[in-house]
Amino acid sequence: MVKVFFVEASGKRREVDAAEGDPLMYAARDAGVAGIIAECGGSAMCATCHCYVVEAPEGSLPEPRMDEADTIEFNAHEPRENSRLTCQIIATPALEGAVFQVATGRD
């Protein structure tokens, strides 16, 4: 398991264990992280798993693919330089301790 943290809109910090090889969205959704809705089930189409990367070990996150970048640009609430879709971030040991702020556009 890979331990990551999600900060909900309320400011509550949630520790989540993600199965190695799975998208972080699954772990966040299954843990009941507020604001991670996952409407499209991980297809990078809805941005209901949109988060901001607050802290991540250097080199632990690959650059977003074009479909993820497009979805963030056109569908995400308040896209930023550090925006990512958690459905597109695969849990790896390199992500241990990473922190993600849930985007506040949806509840």
C-alpha atoms as a PDB file:
ATOM      1  CA  MET A   1       0.000   0.000   0.000  1.00  0.00           C
ATOM      2  CA  VAL A   2       1.040   3.561  -0.715  1.00  0.00           C
ATOM      3  CA  LYS A   3       0.135   6.173   1.898  1.00  0.00           C
ATOM      4  CA  VAL A   4      -0.995   9.538   0.487  1.00  0.00           C
ATOM      5  CA  PHE A   5      -2.937  12.429   1.965  1.00  0.00           C
ATOM      6  CA  PHE A   6      -5.976  14.330   0.738  1.00  0.00           C
ATOM      7  CA  VAL A   7      -7.017  17.696   2.128  1.00  0.00           C
ATOM      8  CA  GLU A   8     -10.757  18.189   1.802  1.00  0.00           C
ATOM      9  CA  ALA A   9     -12.396  21.572   1.197  1.00  0.00           C
ATOM     10  CA  SER A  10     -13.207  21.728   4.914  1.00  0.00           C
ATOM     11  CA  GLY A  11      -9.481  21.572   5.667  1.00  0.00           C
ATOM     12  CA  LYS A  12      -9.714  18.042   7.041  1.00  0.00           C
ATOM     13  CA  ARG A  13      -6.571  16.077   6.184  1.00  0.00           C
ATOM     14  CA  ARG A  14      -7.276  12.436   5.302  1.00  0.00           C
ATOM     15  CA  GLU A  15      -4.654   9.687   5.252  1.00  0.00           C
ATOM     16  CA  VAL A  16      -5.453   7.179   2.511  1.00  0.00           C
ATOM     17  CA  ASP A  17      -3.819   3.859   1.680  1.00  0.00           C
ATOM     18  CA  ALA A  18      -3.782   3.235  -2.068  1.00  0.00           C
ATOM     19  CA  ALA A  19      -3.111  -0.150  -3.619  1.00  0.00           C
ATOM     20  CA  GLU A  20       0.065  -0.080  -5.659  1.00  0.00           C
ATOM     21  CA  GLY A  21      -0.810   0.004  -9.368  1.00  0.00           C
ATOM     22  CA  ASP A  22      -4.307   1.453  -8.869  1.00  0.00           C
ATOM     23  CA  PRO A  23      -5.361   5.023  -9.638  1.00  0.00           C
ATOM     24  CA  LEU A  24      -5.412   7.229  -6.533  1.00  0.00           C
ATOM     25  CA  MET A  25      -9.043   8.048  -7.300  1.00  0.00           C
ATOM     26  CA  TYR A  26     -10.129   4.550  -6.263  1.00  0.00           C
ATOM     27  CA  ALA A  27      -8.514   4.829  -2.849  1.00  0.00           C
ATOM     28  CA  ALA A  28      -9.880   8.344  -2.267  1.00  0.00           C
ATOM     29  CA  ARG A  29     -13.389   7.383  -3.355  1.00  0.00           C
ATOM     30  CA  ASP A  30     -13.386   4.184  -1.300  1.00  0.00           C
ATOM     31  CA  ALA A  31     -12.127   6.099   1.753  1.00  0.00           C
ATOM     32  CA  GLY A  32     -14.974   8.614   1.386  1.00  0.00           C
ATOM     33  CA  VAL A  33     -12.803  11.645   0.684  1.00  0.00           C
ATOM     34  CA  ALA A  34     -15.270  14.524   0.296  1.00  0.00           C
ATOM     35  CA  GLY A  35     -15.248  15.992  -3.210  1.00  0.00           C
ATOM     36  CA  ILE A  36     -13.931  12.916  -5.040  1.00  0.00           C
ATOM     37  CA  ILE A  37     -17.015  11.878  -6.985  1.00  0.00           C
ATOM     38  CA  ALA A  38     -15.485   9.915  -9.888  1.00  0.00           C
ATOM     39  CA  GLU A  39     -18.494  10.155 -12.217  1.00  0.00           C
ATOM     40  CA  CYS A  40     -16.742   8.767 -15.303  1.00  0.00           C
ATOM     41  CA  GLY A  41     -15.077   5.927 -13.411  1.00  0.00           C
ATOM     42  CA  GLY A  42     -11.533   6.872 -14.338  1.00  0.00           C
ATOM     43  CA  SER A  43     -11.793   7.771 -18.023  1.00  0.00           C
ATOM     44  CA  ALA A  44     -10.318  11.292 -17.629  1.00  0.00           C
ATOM     45  CA  MET A  45     -13.540  12.809 -18.937  1.00  0.00           C
ATOM     46  CA  CYS A  46     -15.410  14.468 -16.079  1.00  0.00           C
ATOM     47  CA  ALA A  47     -12.858  16.093 -13.726  1.00  0.00           C
ATOM     48  CA  THR A  48     -14.870  15.036 -10.661  1.00  0.00           C
ATOM     49  CA  CYS A  49     -11.645  13.683  -9.149  1.00  0.00           C
ATOM     50  CA  HIS A  50      -9.748  16.927  -9.728  1.00  0.00           C
ATOM     51  CA  CYS A  51      -7.104  17.768  -7.128  1.00  0.00           C
ATOM     52  CA  TYR A  52      -4.162  20.107  -6.730  1.00  0.00           C
ATOM     53  CA  VAL A  53      -0.768  18.592  -6.022  1.00  0.00           C
ATOM     54  CA  VAL A  54       0.386  20.241  -2.794  1.00  0.00           C
ATOM     55  CA  GLU A  55       3.442  18.124  -2.199  1.00  0.00           C
ATOM     56  CA  ALA A  56       4.944  15.122  -3.980  1.00  0.00           C
ATOM     57  CA  PRO A  57       8.420  13.632  -4.013  1.00  0.00           C
ATOM     58  CA  GLU A  58      10.441  14.892  -6.963  1.00  0.00           C
ATOM     59  CA  GLY A  59      10.019  12.696 -10.012  1.00  0.00           C
ATOM     60  CA  SER A  60       7.076  10.769  -8.554  1.00  0.00           C
ATOM     61  CA  LEU A  61       4.463  12.198 -10.924  1.00  0.00           C
ATOM     62  CA  PRO A  62       4.682  11.871 -14.693  1.00  0.00           C
ATOM     63  CA  GLU A  63       3.472  14.800 -16.780  1.00  0.00           C
ATOM     64  CA  PRO A  64      -0.279  14.702 -17.555  1.00  0.00           C
ATOM     65  CA  ARG A  65      -1.233  13.051 -20.835  1.00  0.00           C
ATOM     66  CA  MET A  66      -3.047  15.165 -23.437  1.00  0.00           C
ATOM     67  CA  ASP A  67      -6.509  13.781 -22.565  1.00  0.00           C
ATOM     68  CA  GLU A  68      -6.007  14.601 -18.875  1.00  0.00           C
ATOM     69  CA  ALA A  69      -4.714  18.095 -19.673  1.00  0.00           C
ATOM     70  CA  ASP A  70      -7.683  18.752 -21.978  1.00  0.00           C
ATOM     71  CA  THR A  71     -10.204  17.586 -19.384  1.00  0.00           C
ATOM     72  CA  ILE A  72      -8.625  19.799 -16.748  1.00  0.00           C
ATOM     73  CA  GLU A  73      -8.603  22.782 -19.099  1.00  0.00           C
ATOM     74  CA  PHE A  74     -12.218  22.422 -20.240  1.00  0.00           C
ATOM     75  CA  ASN A  75     -14.032  20.695 -17.354  1.00  0.00           C
ATOM     76  CA  ALA A  76     -12.190  21.290 -14.099  1.00  0.00           C
ATOM     77  CA  HIS A  77     -13.163  23.882 -11.522  1.00  0.00           C
ATOM     78  CA  GLU A  78     -10.392  26.489 -11.243  1.00  0.00           C
ATOM     79  CA  PRO A  79      -7.596  24.722 -13.148  1.00  0.00           C
ATOM     80  CA  ARG A  80      -4.100  25.558 -11.937  1.00  0.00           C
ATOM     81  CA  GLU A  81      -0.529  24.649 -12.809  1.00  0.00           C
ATOM     82  CA  ASN A  82      -0.639  21.907 -10.164  1.00  0.00           C
ATOM     83  CA  SER A  83      -4.022  20.457 -11.239  1.00  0.00           C
ATOM     84  CA  ARG A  84      -4.279  16.717 -11.775  1.00  0.00           C
ATOM     85  CA  LEU A  85      -7.009  14.126 -12.135  1.00  0.00           C
ATOM     86  CA  THR A  86      -6.511  11.478  -9.494  1.00  0.00           C
ATOM     87  CA  CYS A  87      -7.920   8.857 -11.865  1.00  0.00           C
ATOM     88  CA  GLN A  88      -4.784   9.329 -13.956  1.00  0.00           C
ATOM     89  CA  ILE A  89      -2.252   9.114 -11.118  1.00  0.00           C
ATOM     90  CA  ILE A  90      -1.164   5.540 -10.464  1.00  0.00           C
ATOM     91  CA  ALA A  91      -0.116   4.668  -6.912  1.00  0.00           C
ATOM     92  CA  THR A  92       3.575   3.815  -6.812  1.00  0.00           C
ATOM     93  CA  PRO A  93       5.991   3.638  -3.884  1.00  0.00           C
ATOM     94  CA  ALA A  94       7.535   6.899  -5.167  1.00  0.00           C
ATOM     95  CA  LEU A  95       4.286   8.712  -4.242  1.00  0.00           C
ATOM     96  CA  GLU A  96       4.526   7.769  -0.554  1.00  0.00           C
ATOM     97  CA  GLY A  97       3.584  10.812   1.531  1.00  0.00           C
ATOM     98  CA  ALA A  98       2.260  12.925  -1.373  1.00  0.00           C
ATOM     99  CA  VAL A  99      -0.416  15.492  -0.486  1.00  0.00           C
ATOM    100  CA  PHE A 100      -3.366  16.458  -2.704  1.00  0.00           C
ATOM    101  CA  GLN A 101      -5.896  19.262  -2.114  1.00  0.00           C
ATOM    102  CA  VAL A 102      -9.379  18.376  -3.364  1.00  0.00           C
ATOM    103  CA  ALA A 103     -10.589  21.021  -5.814  1.00  0.00           C
ATOM    104  CA  THR A 104     -13.654  22.697  -4.369  1.00  0.00           C
ATOM    105  CA  GLY A 105     -15.937  22.906  -7.416  1.00  0.00           C
ATOM    106  CA  ARG A 106     -18.126  19.934  -6.515  1.00  0.00           C
ATOM    107  CA  ASP A 107     -19.389  18.260  -3.361  1.00  0.00           C
END
